[in-house]
Amino acid sequence: MATQGVRYLSKNCKERFVMIGDLLNQEQLDIALLQEVWCEKDFLFLKKKLSSVYPYSHYYKREKDSYLPHRVVQAWELQQFVSVGGDVVILGGDLNMHPDDLGTRLLRNYTGLQDSFSEAANFDGCEEGYTHVSENPYTNADSLVPFGGGIRIDYILFKGSGEVDVSCESLSTTKGPVPGHPFPYSDHEALTAEFLFTPTTKGNGCSKRQSGCVSVNEARTEVKVGLHCAERMRHTAARTGIMGLVLLVLELAIAAVPLFALGAEQPFPKASFYLLGALCFAILLTTLMLYIFYSMEVKALQGTEDQMRLALSSLQEQLKESPKVLSSDRL
């Protein structure tokens, strides 16, 4: 569930956290995944309220990025965590990506994760599984008009292994306001899924070769685009900083004129002189911060692009070896 828990900004935040706690205690789920619990105090409140039903908890917070290359990078980092593996993997949350977006496809195709909405035997919830709908009072309805009034950006993804077969028995979403109250739990509808775990020797883990190769190639291309943009912005910050430095040196040279020419007056009014100096200093400071920021950006994107290049090479090698393995099995 995406809680929309920004203190002092989100509407009815305190009341909704109380109701979310009541709902989770009532449902007594095996696993509850909450997102956008921005304040650790709210997490500690929920942890205490839910401790009798949910004795184990973990608080994880991370900055969100607003453009596609970074979303792809985050999806890549997430799949690396998922790829560590286990008998059962369940990944849930607000991914801020549509089902056919590159980051979502990368997660599914490269890791073998399955979408519970597509795989559920029974579904009870909003139309088309929408989790962000225009009827929600915390939502900007105009932004959803191009999508027909709703989008599906919250997911519960899962996969089994060679030891455990996993199937999604049912999936449901909340529908509008909390019973007895005029507002919903959050700006997103909550998801609830029921899974059946069956010991097996085959498992339902998916091969990531063919589709994974395509997704990684697309993701790498998008990351390279983001890398090019970050490098260009870093160069722009560097050039702007040099211009600010030149202006500052020129102003200092002008300020030194009266020291070497006795009796000479300052060519500029003091107010204008100080104002220009403050402007040059502000330019230098701003461009320095931007240069550091974009340098970190370039380093992160370059590192991810290198990892994707190596992963793509590995997948291509596996594809080349696949016919040989099939031939050997037939013989």
C-alpha atoms as a PDB file:
ATOM      1  CA  MET A   1       0.000   0.000   0.000  1.00  0.00           C
ATOM      2  CA  ALA A   2       1.252   3.498  -0.898  1.00  0.00           C
ATOM      3  CA  THR A   3       0.280   5.459   2.217  1.00  0.00           C
ATOM      4  CA  GLN A   4       0.895   9.033   0.956  1.00  0.00           C
ATOM      5  CA  GLY A   5       2.369   9.731   4.358  1.00  0.00           C
ATOM      6  CA  VAL A   6       3.988  13.165   3.980  1.00  0.00           C
ATOM      7  CA  ARG A   7       3.504  14.910   7.308  1.00  0.00           C
ATOM      8  CA  TYR A   8       1.942  18.405   7.205  1.00  0.00           C
ATOM      9  CA  LEU A   9       1.379  18.072   3.446  1.00  0.00           C
ATOM     10  CA  SER A  10      -0.768  14.952   2.935  1.00  0.00           C
ATOM     11  CA  LYS A  11      -4.386  15.351   3.976  1.00  0.00           C
ATOM     12  CA  ASN A  12      -5.675  13.446   7.017  1.00  0.00           C
ATOM     13  CA  CYS A  13      -2.238  11.877   7.404  1.00  0.00           C
ATOM     14  CA  LYS A  14      -2.424  11.118  11.129  1.00  0.00           C
ATOM     15  CA  GLU A  15      -5.989   9.783  10.961  1.00  0.00           C
ATOM     16  CA  ARG A  16      -5.202   7.590   7.939  1.00  0.00           C
ATOM     17  CA  PHE A  17      -2.187   5.986   9.646  1.00  0.00           C
ATOM     18  CA  VAL A  18      -4.442   5.042  12.559  1.00  0.00           C
ATOM     19  CA  MET A  19      -6.974   3.486  10.140  1.00  0.00           C
ATOM     20  CA  ILE A  20      -4.220   1.734   8.154  1.00  0.00           C
ATOM     21  CA  GLY A  21      -2.994   0.188  11.390  1.00  0.00           C
ATOM     22  CA  ASP A  22      -6.530  -0.909  12.274  1.00  0.00           C
ATOM     23  CA  LEU A  23      -7.001  -2.416   8.807  1.00  0.00           C
ATOM     24  CA  LEU A  24      -3.737  -4.388   8.935  1.00  0.00           C
ATOM     25  CA  ASN A  25      -4.509  -5.697  12.421  1.00  0.00           C
ATOM     26  CA  GLN A  26      -7.941  -6.755  11.224  1.00  0.00           C
ATOM     27  CA  GLU A  27      -6.644  -8.502   8.086  1.00  0.00           C
ATOM     28  CA  GLN A  28      -3.791 -10.313   9.908  1.00  0.00           C
ATOM     29  CA  LEU A  29      -1.755 -10.752   6.720  1.00  0.00           C
ATOM     30  CA  ASP A  30       1.403 -12.832   6.500  1.00  0.00           C
ATOM     31  CA  ILE A  31       3.306  -9.938   4.908  1.00  0.00           C
ATOM     32  CA  ALA A  32       2.360  -6.237   4.740  1.00  0.00           C
ATOM     33  CA  LEU A  33       4.283  -3.857   2.447  1.00  0.00           C
ATOM     34  CA  LEU A  34       3.868  -0.118   3.073  1.00  0.00           C
ATOM     35  CA  GLN A  35       5.311   2.641   0.927  1.00  0.00           C
ATOM     36  CA  GLU A  36       5.683   6.432   1.291  1.00  0.00           C
ATOM     37  CA  VAL A  37       5.953   6.266   5.077  1.00  0.00           C
ATOM     38  CA  TRP A  38       8.289   9.241   4.838  1.00  0.00           C
ATOM     39  CA  CYS A  39       8.562  10.035   8.558  1.00  0.00           C
ATOM     40  CA  GLU A  40      10.258   7.509  10.805  1.00  0.00           C
ATOM     41  CA  LYS A  41       7.959   8.566  13.651  1.00  0.00           C
ATOM     42  CA  ASP A  42       5.001   7.259  11.637  1.00  0.00           C
ATOM     43  CA  PHE A  43       6.853   3.990  11.057  1.00  0.00           C
ATOM     44  CA  LEU A  44       7.543   3.639  14.779  1.00  0.00           C
ATOM     45  CA  PHE A  45       3.866   4.360  15.493  1.00  0.00           C
ATOM     46  CA  LEU A  46       2.772   1.613  13.093  1.00  0.00           C
ATOM     47  CA  LYS A  47       5.443  -0.752  14.387  1.00  0.00           C
ATOM     48  CA  LYS A  48       4.115  -0.381  17.940  1.00  0.00           C
ATOM     49  CA  LYS A  49       0.466  -0.592  16.870  1.00  0.00           C
ATOM     50  CA  LEU A  50       1.037  -3.711  14.766  1.00  0.00           C
ATOM     51  CA  SER A  51       3.626  -5.471  16.934  1.00  0.00           C
ATOM     52  CA  SER A  52       1.222  -8.120  18.238  1.00  0.00           C
ATOM     53  CA  VAL A  53       0.250  -9.255  14.714  1.00  0.00           C
ATOM     54  CA  TYR A  54       3.417  -8.326  12.789  1.00  0.00           C
ATOM     55  CA  PRO A  55       6.370  -8.932  15.140  1.00  0.00           C
ATOM     56  CA  TYR A  56       9.028  -8.356  12.457  1.00  0.00           C
ATOM     57  CA  SER A  57       9.506  -5.098  10.558  1.00  0.00           C
ATOM     58  CA  HIS A  58      12.039  -3.187   8.517  1.00  0.00           C
ATOM     59  CA  TYR A  59      12.170   0.493   7.548  1.00  0.00           C
ATOM     60  CA  TYR A  60      13.721   1.382   4.192  1.00  0.00           C
ATOM     61  CA  LYS A  61      13.753   4.863   2.726  1.00  0.00           C
ATOM     62  CA  ARG A  62      15.200   6.120  -0.542  1.00  0.00           C
ATOM     63  CA  GLU A  63      15.082   9.287  -2.633  1.00  0.00           C
ATOM     64  CA  LYS A  64      12.892   9.090  -5.745  1.00  0.00           C
ATOM     65  CA  ASP A  65      13.955  10.252  -9.189  1.00  0.00           C
ATOM     66  CA  SER A  66      11.707  11.783 -11.791  1.00  0.00           C
ATOM     67  CA  TYR A  67      13.147  10.821 -15.155  1.00  0.00           C
ATOM     68  CA  LEU A  68      13.225   7.608 -17.110  1.00  0.00           C
ATOM     69  CA  PRO A  69      16.970   6.741 -17.082  1.00  0.00           C
ATOM     70  CA  HIS A  70      17.039   6.890 -13.307  1.00  0.00           C
ATOM     71  CA  ARG A  71      13.908   4.786 -13.044  1.00  0.00           C
ATOM     72  CA  VAL A  72      15.625   2.214 -15.261  1.00  0.00           C
ATOM     73  CA  VAL A  73      18.729   2.357 -13.043  1.00  0.00           C
ATOM     74  CA  GLN A  74      16.566   1.795  -9.962  1.00  0.00           C
ATOM     75  CA  ALA A  75      14.821  -1.128 -11.668  1.00  0.00           C
ATOM     76  CA  TRP A  76      18.235  -2.597 -12.503  1.00  0.00           C
ATOM     77  CA  GLU A  77      19.430  -2.230  -8.911  1.00  0.00           C
ATOM     78  CA  LEU A  78      16.176  -3.781  -7.696  1.00  0.00           C
ATOM     79  CA  GLN A  79      16.519  -6.784 -10.005  1.00  0.00           C
ATOM     80  CA  GLN A  80      20.051  -7.336  -8.708  1.00  0.00           C
ATOM     81  CA  PHE A  81      18.618  -7.585  -5.200  1.00  0.00           C
ATOM     82  CA  VAL A  82      15.832  -9.902  -6.388  1.00  0.00           C
ATOM     83  CA  SER A  83      18.290 -12.065  -8.334  1.00  0.00           C
ATOM     84  CA  VAL A  84      20.013 -13.048  -5.090  1.00  0.00           C
ATOM     85  CA  GLY A  85      17.152 -15.513  -5.000  1.00  0.00           C
ATOM     86  CA  GLY A  86      15.407 -17.729  -2.493  1.00  0.00           C
ATOM     87  CA  ASP A  87      12.743 -20.396  -2.563  1.00  0.00           C
ATOM     88  CA  VAL A  88      10.093 -17.684  -2.976  1.00  0.00           C
ATOM     89  CA  VAL A  89      10.450 -14.044  -4.001  1.00  0.00           C
ATOM     90  CA  ILE A  90       7.627 -11.524  -3.466  1.00  0.00           C
ATOM     91  CA  LEU A  91       8.137  -7.921  -4.540  1.00  0.00           C
ATOM     92  CA  GLY A  92       5.435  -5.342  -3.864  1.00  0.00           C
ATOM     93  CA  GLY A  93       5.070  -1.591  -3.974  1.00  0.00           C
ATOM     94  CA  ASP A  94       4.390   1.564  -5.949  1.00  0.00           C
ATOM     95  CA  LEU A  95       6.895   1.326  -8.802  1.00  0.00           C
ATOM     96  CA  ASN A  96       5.609   4.529 -10.475  1.00  0.00           C
ATOM     97  CA  MET A  97       5.756   2.664 -13.788  1.00  0.00           C
ATOM     98  CA  HIS A  98       3.024   1.353 -16.077  1.00  0.00           C
ATOM     99  CA  PRO A  99       2.895  -2.394 -16.851  1.00  0.00           C
ATOM    100  CA  ASP A 100       4.501  -1.948 -20.281  1.00  0.00           C
ATOM    101  CA  ASP A 101       7.130   0.599 -19.223  1.00  0.00           C
ATOM    102  CA  LEU A 102      10.746  -0.345 -19.753  1.00  0.00           C
ATOM    103  CA  GLY A 103      11.604  -0.573 -16.060  1.00  0.00           C
ATOM    104  CA  THR A 104       8.667  -2.898 -15.365  1.00  0.00           C
ATOM    105  CA  ARG A 105       9.495  -5.129 -18.314  1.00  0.00           C
ATOM    106  CA  LEU A 106      13.122  -5.265 -17.204  1.00  0.00           C
ATOM    107  CA  LEU A 107      12.079  -6.456 -13.751  1.00  0.00           C
ATOM    108  CA  ARG A 108       9.737  -9.127 -15.082  1.00  0.00           C
ATOM    109  CA  ASN A 109      11.771 -10.414 -18.032  1.00  0.00           C
ATOM    110  CA  TYR A 110      15.229 -10.438 -16.466  1.00  0.00           C
ATOM    111  CA  THR A 111      14.253 -11.882 -13.087  1.00  0.00           C
ATOM    112  CA  GLY A 112      11.311 -14.077 -14.092  1.00  0.00           C
ATOM    113  CA  LEU A 113       8.944 -12.231 -11.731  1.00  0.00           C
ATOM    114  CA  GLN A 114       5.253 -12.652 -12.529  1.00  0.00           C
ATOM    115  CA  ASP A 115       2.527 -10.032 -12.166  1.00  0.00           C
ATOM    116  CA  SER A 116      -0.144 -11.127  -9.704  1.00  0.00           C
ATOM    117  CA  PHE A 117      -2.790  -9.134 -11.601  1.00  0.00           C
ATOM    118  CA  SER A 118      -2.137 -11.136 -14.764  1.00  0.00           C
ATOM    119  CA  GLU A 119      -1.718 -14.475 -12.978  1.00  0.00           C
ATOM    120  CA  ALA A 120      -4.434 -14.301 -10.304  1.00  0.00           C
ATOM    121  CA  ALA A 121      -7.161 -16.920 -10.566  1.00  0.00           C
ATOM    122  CA  ASN A 122      -9.663 -14.479  -9.023  1.00  0.00           C
ATOM    123  CA  PHE A 123      -9.667 -10.680  -8.981  1.00  0.00           C
ATOM    124  CA  ASP A 124     -11.851  -8.298  -7.014  1.00  0.00           C
ATOM    125  CA  GLY A 125     -11.074  -4.609  -7.280  1.00  0.00           C
ATOM    126  CA  CYS A 126     -11.012  -1.495  -9.407  1.00  0.00           C
ATOM    127  CA  GLU A 127     -11.497  -1.740 -13.154  1.00  0.00           C
ATOM    128  CA  GLU A 128      -8.414  -3.043 -15.014  1.00  0.00           C
ATOM    129  CA  GLY A 129      -6.661  -3.369 -11.670  1.00  0.00           C
ATOM    130  CA  TYR A 130      -6.205   0.398 -11.414  1.00  0.00           C
ATOM    131  CA  THR A 131      -4.518   1.504  -8.207  1.00  0.00           C
ATOM    132  CA  HIS A 132      -4.406   5.256  -8.952  1.00  0.00           C
ATOM    133  CA  VAL A 133      -7.886   6.482  -9.902  1.00  0.00           C
ATOM    134  CA  SER A 134      -9.352   9.886 -10.666  1.00  0.00           C
ATOM    135  CA  GLU A 135     -12.166   9.477  -8.102  1.00  0.00           C
ATOM    136  CA  ASN A 136      -9.641   9.571  -5.255  1.00  0.00           C
ATOM    137  CA  PRO A 137      -9.847  12.965  -3.467  1.00  0.00           C
ATOM    138  CA  TYR A 138      -6.068  13.052  -2.974  1.00  0.00           C
ATOM    139  CA  THR A 139      -5.412  12.667  -6.703  1.00  0.00           C
ATOM    140  CA  ASN A 140      -5.140  15.300  -9.429  1.00  0.00           C
ATOM    141  CA  ALA A 141      -7.914  13.974 -11.664  1.00  0.00           C
ATOM    142  CA  ASP A 142      -6.795  16.034 -14.682  1.00  0.00           C
ATOM    143  CA  SER A 143      -3.466  14.179 -14.821  1.00  0.00           C
ATOM    144  CA  LEU A 144      -5.304  10.878 -15.285  1.00  0.00           C
ATOM    145  CA  VAL A 145      -7.652  12.009 -18.069  1.00  0.00           C
ATOM    146  CA  PRO A 146      -5.264  10.830 -20.854  1.00  0.00           C
ATOM    147  CA  PHE A 147      -5.269   7.359 -19.264  1.00  0.00           C
ATOM    148  CA  GLY A 148      -9.045   6.958 -19.091  1.00  0.00           C
ATOM    149  CA  GLY A 149      -9.350   7.931 -15.443  1.00  0.00           C
ATOM    150  CA  GLY A 150      -6.981   5.421 -13.886  1.00  0.00           C
ATOM    151  CA  ILE A 151      -3.572   3.750 -14.066  1.00  0.00           C
ATOM    152  CA  ARG A 152      -1.965   0.636 -12.594  1.00  0.00           C
ATOM    153  CA  ILE A 153       1.403   1.498 -11.058  1.00  0.00           C
ATOM    154  CA  ASP A 154       1.276  -0.562  -7.833  1.00  0.00           C
ATOM    155  CA  TYR A 155       2.282  -4.212  -8.058  1.00  0.00           C
ATOM    156  CA  ILE A 156       2.724  -7.476  -6.231  1.00  0.00           C
ATOM    157  CA  LEU A 157       5.229  -9.496  -8.255  1.00  0.00           C
ATOM    158  CA  PHE A 158       6.265 -13.041  -7.387  1.00  0.00           C
ATOM    159  CA  LYS A 159       8.218 -16.066  -8.516  1.00  0.00           C
ATOM    160  CA  GLY A 160       8.982 -19.536  -7.281  1.00  0.00           C
ATOM    161  CA  SER A 161      12.060 -21.696  -7.646  1.00  0.00           C
ATOM    162  CA  GLY A 162      13.167 -25.221  -8.337  1.00  0.00           C
ATOM    163  CA  GLU A 163      12.024 -26.086  -4.821  1.00  0.00           C
ATOM    164  CA  VAL A 164       8.691 -24.254  -4.531  1.00  0.00           C
ATOM    165  CA  ASP A 165       5.960 -23.649  -7.091  1.00  0.00           C
ATOM    166  CA  VAL A 166       4.010 -20.413  -6.487  1.00  0.00           C
ATOM    167  CA  SER A 167       0.564 -19.556  -7.820  1.00  0.00           C
ATOM    168  CA  CYS A 168      -1.573 -16.485  -7.154  1.00  0.00           C
ATOM    169  CA  GLU A 169      -4.972 -17.621  -5.929  1.00  0.00           C
ATOM    170  CA  SER A 170      -6.572 -14.178  -5.666  1.00  0.00           C
ATOM    171  CA  LEU A 171      -5.867 -10.459  -5.889  1.00  0.00           C
ATOM    172  CA  SER A 172      -8.003  -7.603  -4.601  1.00  0.00           C
ATOM    173  CA  THR A 173      -7.804  -3.832  -4.204  1.00  0.00           C
ATOM    174  CA  THR A 174      -9.495  -1.418  -1.851  1.00  0.00           C
ATOM    175  CA  LYS A 175     -12.302   0.593  -3.425  1.00  0.00           C
ATOM    176  CA  GLY A 176     -12.604   4.231  -2.484  1.00  0.00           C
ATOM    177  CA  PRO A 177     -13.304   5.618   1.002  1.00  0.00           C
ATOM    178  CA  VAL A 178     -12.674   3.769   4.250  1.00  0.00           C
ATOM    179  CA  PRO A 179     -15.979   2.291   5.499  1.00  0.00           C
ATOM    180  CA  GLY A 180     -17.620   4.861   7.756  1.00  0.00           C
ATOM    181  CA  HIS A 181     -15.286   7.689   6.712  1.00  0.00           C
ATOM    182  CA  PRO A 182     -15.391  10.264   3.896  1.00  0.00           C
ATOM    183  CA  PHE A 183     -11.822   9.659   2.704  1.00  0.00           C
ATOM    184  CA  PRO A 184      -9.705   6.668   1.571  1.00  0.00           C
ATOM    185  CA  TYR A 185      -6.618   5.147   3.175  1.00  0.00           C
ATOM    186  CA  SER A 186      -4.258   6.811   0.667  1.00  0.00           C
ATOM    187  CA  ASP A 187      -4.038   8.370  -2.775  1.00  0.00           C
ATOM    188  CA  HIS A 188      -3.478   4.819  -4.120  1.00  0.00           C
ATOM    189  CA  GLU A 189      -5.669   1.773  -3.684  1.00  0.00           C
ATOM    190  CA  ALA A 190      -4.116  -1.004  -1.589  1.00  0.00           C
ATOM    191  CA  LEU A 191      -3.420  -4.466  -3.009  1.00  0.00           C
ATOM    192  CA  THR A 192      -3.967  -7.800  -1.248  1.00  0.00           C
ATOM    193  CA  ALA A 193      -2.858 -11.105  -2.766  1.00  0.00           C
ATOM    194  CA  GLU A 194      -3.184 -14.730  -1.662  1.00  0.00           C
ATOM    195  CA  PHE A 195      -0.533 -17.206  -2.802  1.00  0.00           C
ATOM    196  CA  LEU A 196      -0.358 -20.990  -2.803  1.00  0.00           C
ATOM    197  CA  PHE A 197       3.089 -22.489  -2.171  1.00  0.00           C
ATOM    198  CA  THR A 198       3.571 -26.060  -3.370  1.00  0.00           C
ATOM    199  CA  PRO A 199       6.799 -28.058  -2.932  1.00  0.00           C
ATOM    200  CA  THR A 200       8.052 -29.225  -6.306  1.00  0.00           C
ATOM    201  CA  THR A 201      11.091 -30.416  -8.206  1.00  0.00           C
ATOM    202  CA  LYS A 202      10.357 -28.257 -11.242  1.00  0.00           C
ATOM    203  CA  GLY A 203       9.234 -24.865  -9.962  1.00  0.00           C
ATOM    204  CA  ASN A 204       7.860 -21.932 -11.944  1.00  0.00           C
ATOM    205  CA  GLY A 205      11.012 -19.869 -12.261  1.00  0.00           C
ATOM    206  CA  CYS A 206      11.233 -18.337 -15.747  1.00  0.00           C
ATOM    207  CA  SER A 207      14.105 -18.364 -18.172  1.00  0.00           C
ATOM    208  CA  LYS A 208      15.502 -14.870 -18.627  1.00  0.00           C
ATOM    209  CA  ARG A 209      17.514 -15.462 -21.767  1.00  0.00           C
ATOM    210  CA  GLN A 210      15.459 -14.360 -24.762  1.00  0.00           C
ATOM    211  CA  SER A 211      13.161 -11.705 -23.284  1.00  0.00           C
ATOM    212  CA  GLY A 212      15.796 -10.654 -20.752  1.00  0.00           C
ATOM    213  CA  CYS A 213      18.303  -9.958 -23.501  1.00  0.00           C
ATOM    214  CA  VAL A 214      15.860  -7.649 -25.291  1.00  0.00           C
ATOM    215  CA  SER A 215      14.923  -5.791 -22.094  1.00  0.00           C
ATOM    216  CA  VAL A 216      18.526  -5.288 -20.998  1.00  0.00           C
ATOM    217  CA  ASN A 217      19.449  -3.983 -24.445  1.00  0.00           C
ATOM    218  CA  GLU A 218      16.584  -1.461 -24.328  1.00  0.00           C
ATOM    219  CA  ALA A 219      17.469  -0.464 -20.767  1.00  0.00           C
ATOM    220  CA  ARG A 220      21.123  -0.006 -21.646  1.00  0.00           C
ATOM    221  CA  THR A 221      20.161   2.282 -24.550  1.00  0.00           C
ATOM    222  CA  GLU A 222      18.003   4.409 -22.250  1.00  0.00           C
ATOM    223  CA  VAL A 223      20.743   4.619 -19.623  1.00  0.00           C
ATOM    224  CA  LYS A 224      23.229   5.721 -22.293  1.00  0.00           C
ATOM    225  CA  VAL A 225      20.832   8.517 -23.269  1.00  0.00           C
ATOM    226  CA  GLY A 226      20.646   9.605 -19.629  1.00  0.00           C
ATOM    227  CA  LEU A 227      24.434   9.380 -19.358  1.00  0.00           C
ATOM    228  CA  HIS A 228      24.866  11.641 -22.384  1.00  0.00           C
ATOM    229  CA  CYS A 229      22.442  14.192 -20.901  1.00  0.00           C
ATOM    230  CA  ALA A 230      24.204  14.132 -17.517  1.00  0.00           C
ATOM    231  CA  GLU A 231      27.610  14.638 -19.151  1.00  0.00           C
ATOM    232  CA  ARG A 232      26.249  17.549 -21.168  1.00  0.00           C
ATOM    233  CA  MET A 233      24.803  19.182 -18.040  1.00  0.00           C
ATOM    234  CA  ARG A 234      28.100  18.693 -16.222  1.00  0.00           C
ATOM    235  CA  HIS A 235      29.977  20.415 -19.051  1.00  0.00           C
ATOM    236  CA  THR A 236      27.445  23.251 -18.994  1.00  0.00           C
ATOM    237  CA  ALA A 237      27.941  23.690 -15.249  1.00  0.00           C
ATOM    238  CA  ALA A 238      31.734  23.715 -15.733  1.00  0.00           C
ATOM    239  CA  ARG A 239      31.569  26.355 -18.487  1.00  0.00           C
ATOM    240  CA  THR A 240      29.218  28.537 -16.451  1.00  0.00           C
ATOM    241  CA  GLY A 241      31.502  28.234 -13.438  1.00  0.00           C
ATOM    242  CA  ILE A 242      34.510  29.311 -15.502  1.00  0.00           C
ATOM    243  CA  MET A 243      32.587  32.375 -16.711  1.00  0.00           C
ATOM    244  CA  GLY A 244      31.692  33.241 -13.115  1.00  0.00           C
ATOM    245  CA  LEU A 245      35.339  32.844 -12.097  1.00  0.00           C
ATOM    246  CA  VAL A 246      36.495  35.118 -14.925  1.00  0.00           C
ATOM    247  CA  LEU A 247      33.980  37.769 -13.860  1.00  0.00           C
ATOM    248  CA  LEU A 248      35.156  37.510 -10.254  1.00  0.00           C
ATOM    249  CA  VAL A 249      38.833  37.838 -11.245  1.00  0.00           C
ATOM    250  CA  LEU A 250      37.975  40.829 -13.456  1.00  0.00           C
ATOM    251  CA  GLU A 251      36.140  42.492 -10.600  1.00  0.00           C
ATOM    252  CA  LEU A 252      39.058  41.879  -8.231  1.00  0.00           C
ATOM    253  CA  ALA A 253      41.395  43.420 -10.814  1.00  0.00           C
ATOM    254  CA  ILE A 254      39.170  46.487 -11.015  1.00  0.00           C
ATOM    255  CA  ALA A 255      39.093  46.689  -7.228  1.00  0.00           C
ATOM    256  CA  ALA A 256      42.892  46.666  -7.146  1.00  0.00           C
ATOM    257  CA  VAL A 257      43.203  49.710  -9.438  1.00  0.00           C
ATOM    258  CA  PRO A 258      43.018  52.294  -6.600  1.00  0.00           C
ATOM    259  CA  LEU A 259      45.791  50.440  -4.733  1.00  0.00           C
ATOM    260  CA  PHE A 260      48.299  50.890  -7.581  1.00  0.00           C
ATOM    261  CA  ALA A 261      47.142  54.280  -8.852  1.00  0.00           C
ATOM    262  CA  LEU A 262      47.308  56.739  -6.017  1.00  0.00           C
ATOM    263  CA  GLY A 263      44.434  59.141  -6.013  1.00  0.00           C
ATOM    264  CA  ALA A 264      42.410  57.130  -8.461  1.00  0.00           C
ATOM    265  CA  GLU A 265      38.761  56.627  -7.553  1.00  0.00           C
ATOM    266  CA  GLN A 266      36.788  53.414  -7.666  1.00  0.00           C
ATOM    267  CA  PRO A 267      35.331  53.239 -11.215  1.00  0.00           C
ATOM    268  CA  PHE A 268      32.070  51.647  -9.980  1.00  0.00           C
ATOM    269  CA  PRO A 269      29.687  52.648  -7.181  1.00  0.00           C
ATOM    270  CA  LYS A 270      30.263  50.542  -4.099  1.00  0.00           C
ATOM    271  CA  ALA A 271      26.716  49.149  -4.130  1.00  0.00           C
ATOM    272  CA  SER A 272      27.046  47.925  -7.730  1.00  0.00           C
ATOM    273  CA  PHE A 273      30.509  46.571  -6.990  1.00  0.00           C
ATOM    274  CA  TYR A 274      29.334  44.507  -4.011  1.00  0.00           C
ATOM    275  CA  LEU A 275      26.239  43.345  -5.879  1.00  0.00           C
ATOM    276  CA  LEU A 276      28.337  42.111  -8.798  1.00  0.00           C
ATOM    277  CA  GLY A 277      30.692  40.359  -6.394  1.00  0.00           C
ATOM    278  CA  ALA A 278      27.803  38.576  -4.656  1.00  0.00           C
ATOM    279  CA  LEU A 279      26.436  37.524  -8.047  1.00  0.00           C
ATOM    280  CA  CYS A 280      29.785  36.058  -9.124  1.00  0.00           C
ATOM    281  CA  PHE A 281      30.138  34.201  -5.836  1.00  0.00           C
ATOM    282  CA  ALA A 282      26.584  32.815  -6.147  1.00  0.00           C
ATOM    283  CA  ILE A 283      27.321  31.633  -9.703  1.00  0.00           C
ATOM    284  CA  LEU A 284      30.524  29.901  -8.570  1.00  0.00           C
ATOM    285  CA  LEU A 285      28.834  28.203  -5.615  1.00  0.00           C
ATOM    286  CA  THR A 286      25.802  27.071  -7.629  1.00  0.00           C
ATOM    287  CA  THR A 287      27.832  25.725 -10.535  1.00  0.00           C
ATOM    288  CA  LEU A 288      30.188  23.920  -8.142  1.00  0.00           C
ATOM    289  CA  MET A 289      27.249  22.132  -6.507  1.00  0.00           C
ATOM    290  CA  LEU A 290      25.762  21.307  -9.913  1.00  0.00           C
ATOM    291  CA  TYR A 291      29.097  19.991 -11.162  1.00  0.00           C
ATOM    292  CA  ILE A 292      29.443  17.725  -8.118  1.00  0.00           C
ATOM    293  CA  PHE A 293      25.832  16.523  -8.510  1.00  0.00           C
ATOM    294  CA  TYR A 294      26.169  15.712 -12.211  1.00  0.00           C
ATOM    295  CA  SER A 295      29.557  14.074 -11.643  1.00  0.00           C
ATOM    296  CA  MET A 296      27.887  11.705  -9.184  1.00  0.00           C
ATOM    297  CA  GLU A 297      25.097  11.207 -11.713  1.00  0.00           C
ATOM    298  CA  VAL A 298      27.566  10.341 -14.468  1.00  0.00           C
ATOM    299  CA  LYS A 299      29.396   7.907 -12.207  1.00  0.00           C
ATOM    300  CA  ALA A 300      26.169   6.102 -11.228  1.00  0.00           C
ATOM    301  CA  LEU A 301      24.843   5.889 -14.785  1.00  0.00           C
ATOM    302  CA  GLN A 302      28.218   4.810 -16.176  1.00  0.00           C
ATOM    303  CA  GLY A 303      28.502   2.077 -13.554  1.00  0.00           C
ATOM    304  CA  THR A 304      25.031   0.764 -14.385  1.00  0.00           C
ATOM    305  CA  GLU A 305      25.715   0.894 -18.118  1.00  0.00           C
ATOM    306  CA  ASP A 306      28.902  -1.156 -17.606  1.00  0.00           C
ATOM    307  CA  GLN A 307      26.984  -3.738 -15.562  1.00  0.00           C
ATOM    308  CA  MET A 308      24.303  -3.956 -18.245  1.00  0.00           C
ATOM    309  CA  ARG A 309      26.931  -4.386 -20.951  1.00  0.00           C
ATOM    310  CA  LEU A 310      28.478  -7.319 -19.075  1.00  0.00           C
ATOM    311  CA  ALA A 311      25.058  -8.845 -18.351  1.00  0.00           C
ATOM    312  CA  LEU A 312      24.085  -8.504 -22.012  1.00  0.00           C
ATOM    313  CA  SER A 313      27.285 -10.224 -23.106  1.00  0.00           C
ATOM    314  CA  SER A 314      26.598 -13.060 -20.668  1.00  0.00           C
ATOM    315  CA  LEU A 315      23.024 -13.477 -21.923  1.00  0.00           C
ATOM    316  CA  GLN A 316      24.187 -13.500 -25.542  1.00  0.00           C
ATOM    317  CA  GLU A 317      26.717 -16.213 -24.725  1.00  0.00           C
ATOM    318  CA  GLN A 318      23.984 -18.271 -23.080  1.00  0.00           C
ATOM    319  CA  LEU A 319      21.800 -17.878 -26.171  1.00  0.00           C
ATOM    320  CA  LYS A 320      24.647 -19.090 -28.373  1.00  0.00           C
ATOM    321  CA  GLU A 321      25.174 -22.147 -26.168  1.00  0.00           C
ATOM    322  CA  SER A 322      21.454 -22.998 -25.939  1.00  0.00           C
ATOM    323  CA  PRO A 323      21.248 -24.818 -29.333  1.00  0.00           C
ATOM    324  CA  LYS A 324      24.257 -26.923 -28.371  1.00  0.00           C
ATOM    325  CA  VAL A 325      22.618 -27.915 -25.088  1.00  0.00           C
ATOM    326  CA  LEU A 326      19.369 -28.788 -26.848  1.00  0.00           C
ATOM    327  CA  SER A 327      21.240 -30.918 -29.381  1.00  0.00           C
ATOM    328  CA  SER A 328      23.037 -32.776 -26.624  1.00  0.00           C
ATOM    329  CA  ASP A 329      19.754 -33.457 -24.815  1.00  0.00           C
ATOM    330  CA  ARG A 330      18.222 -34.914 -27.978  1.00  0.00           C
ATOM    331  CA  LEU A 331      21.202 -37.203 -28.510  1.00  0.00           C
END
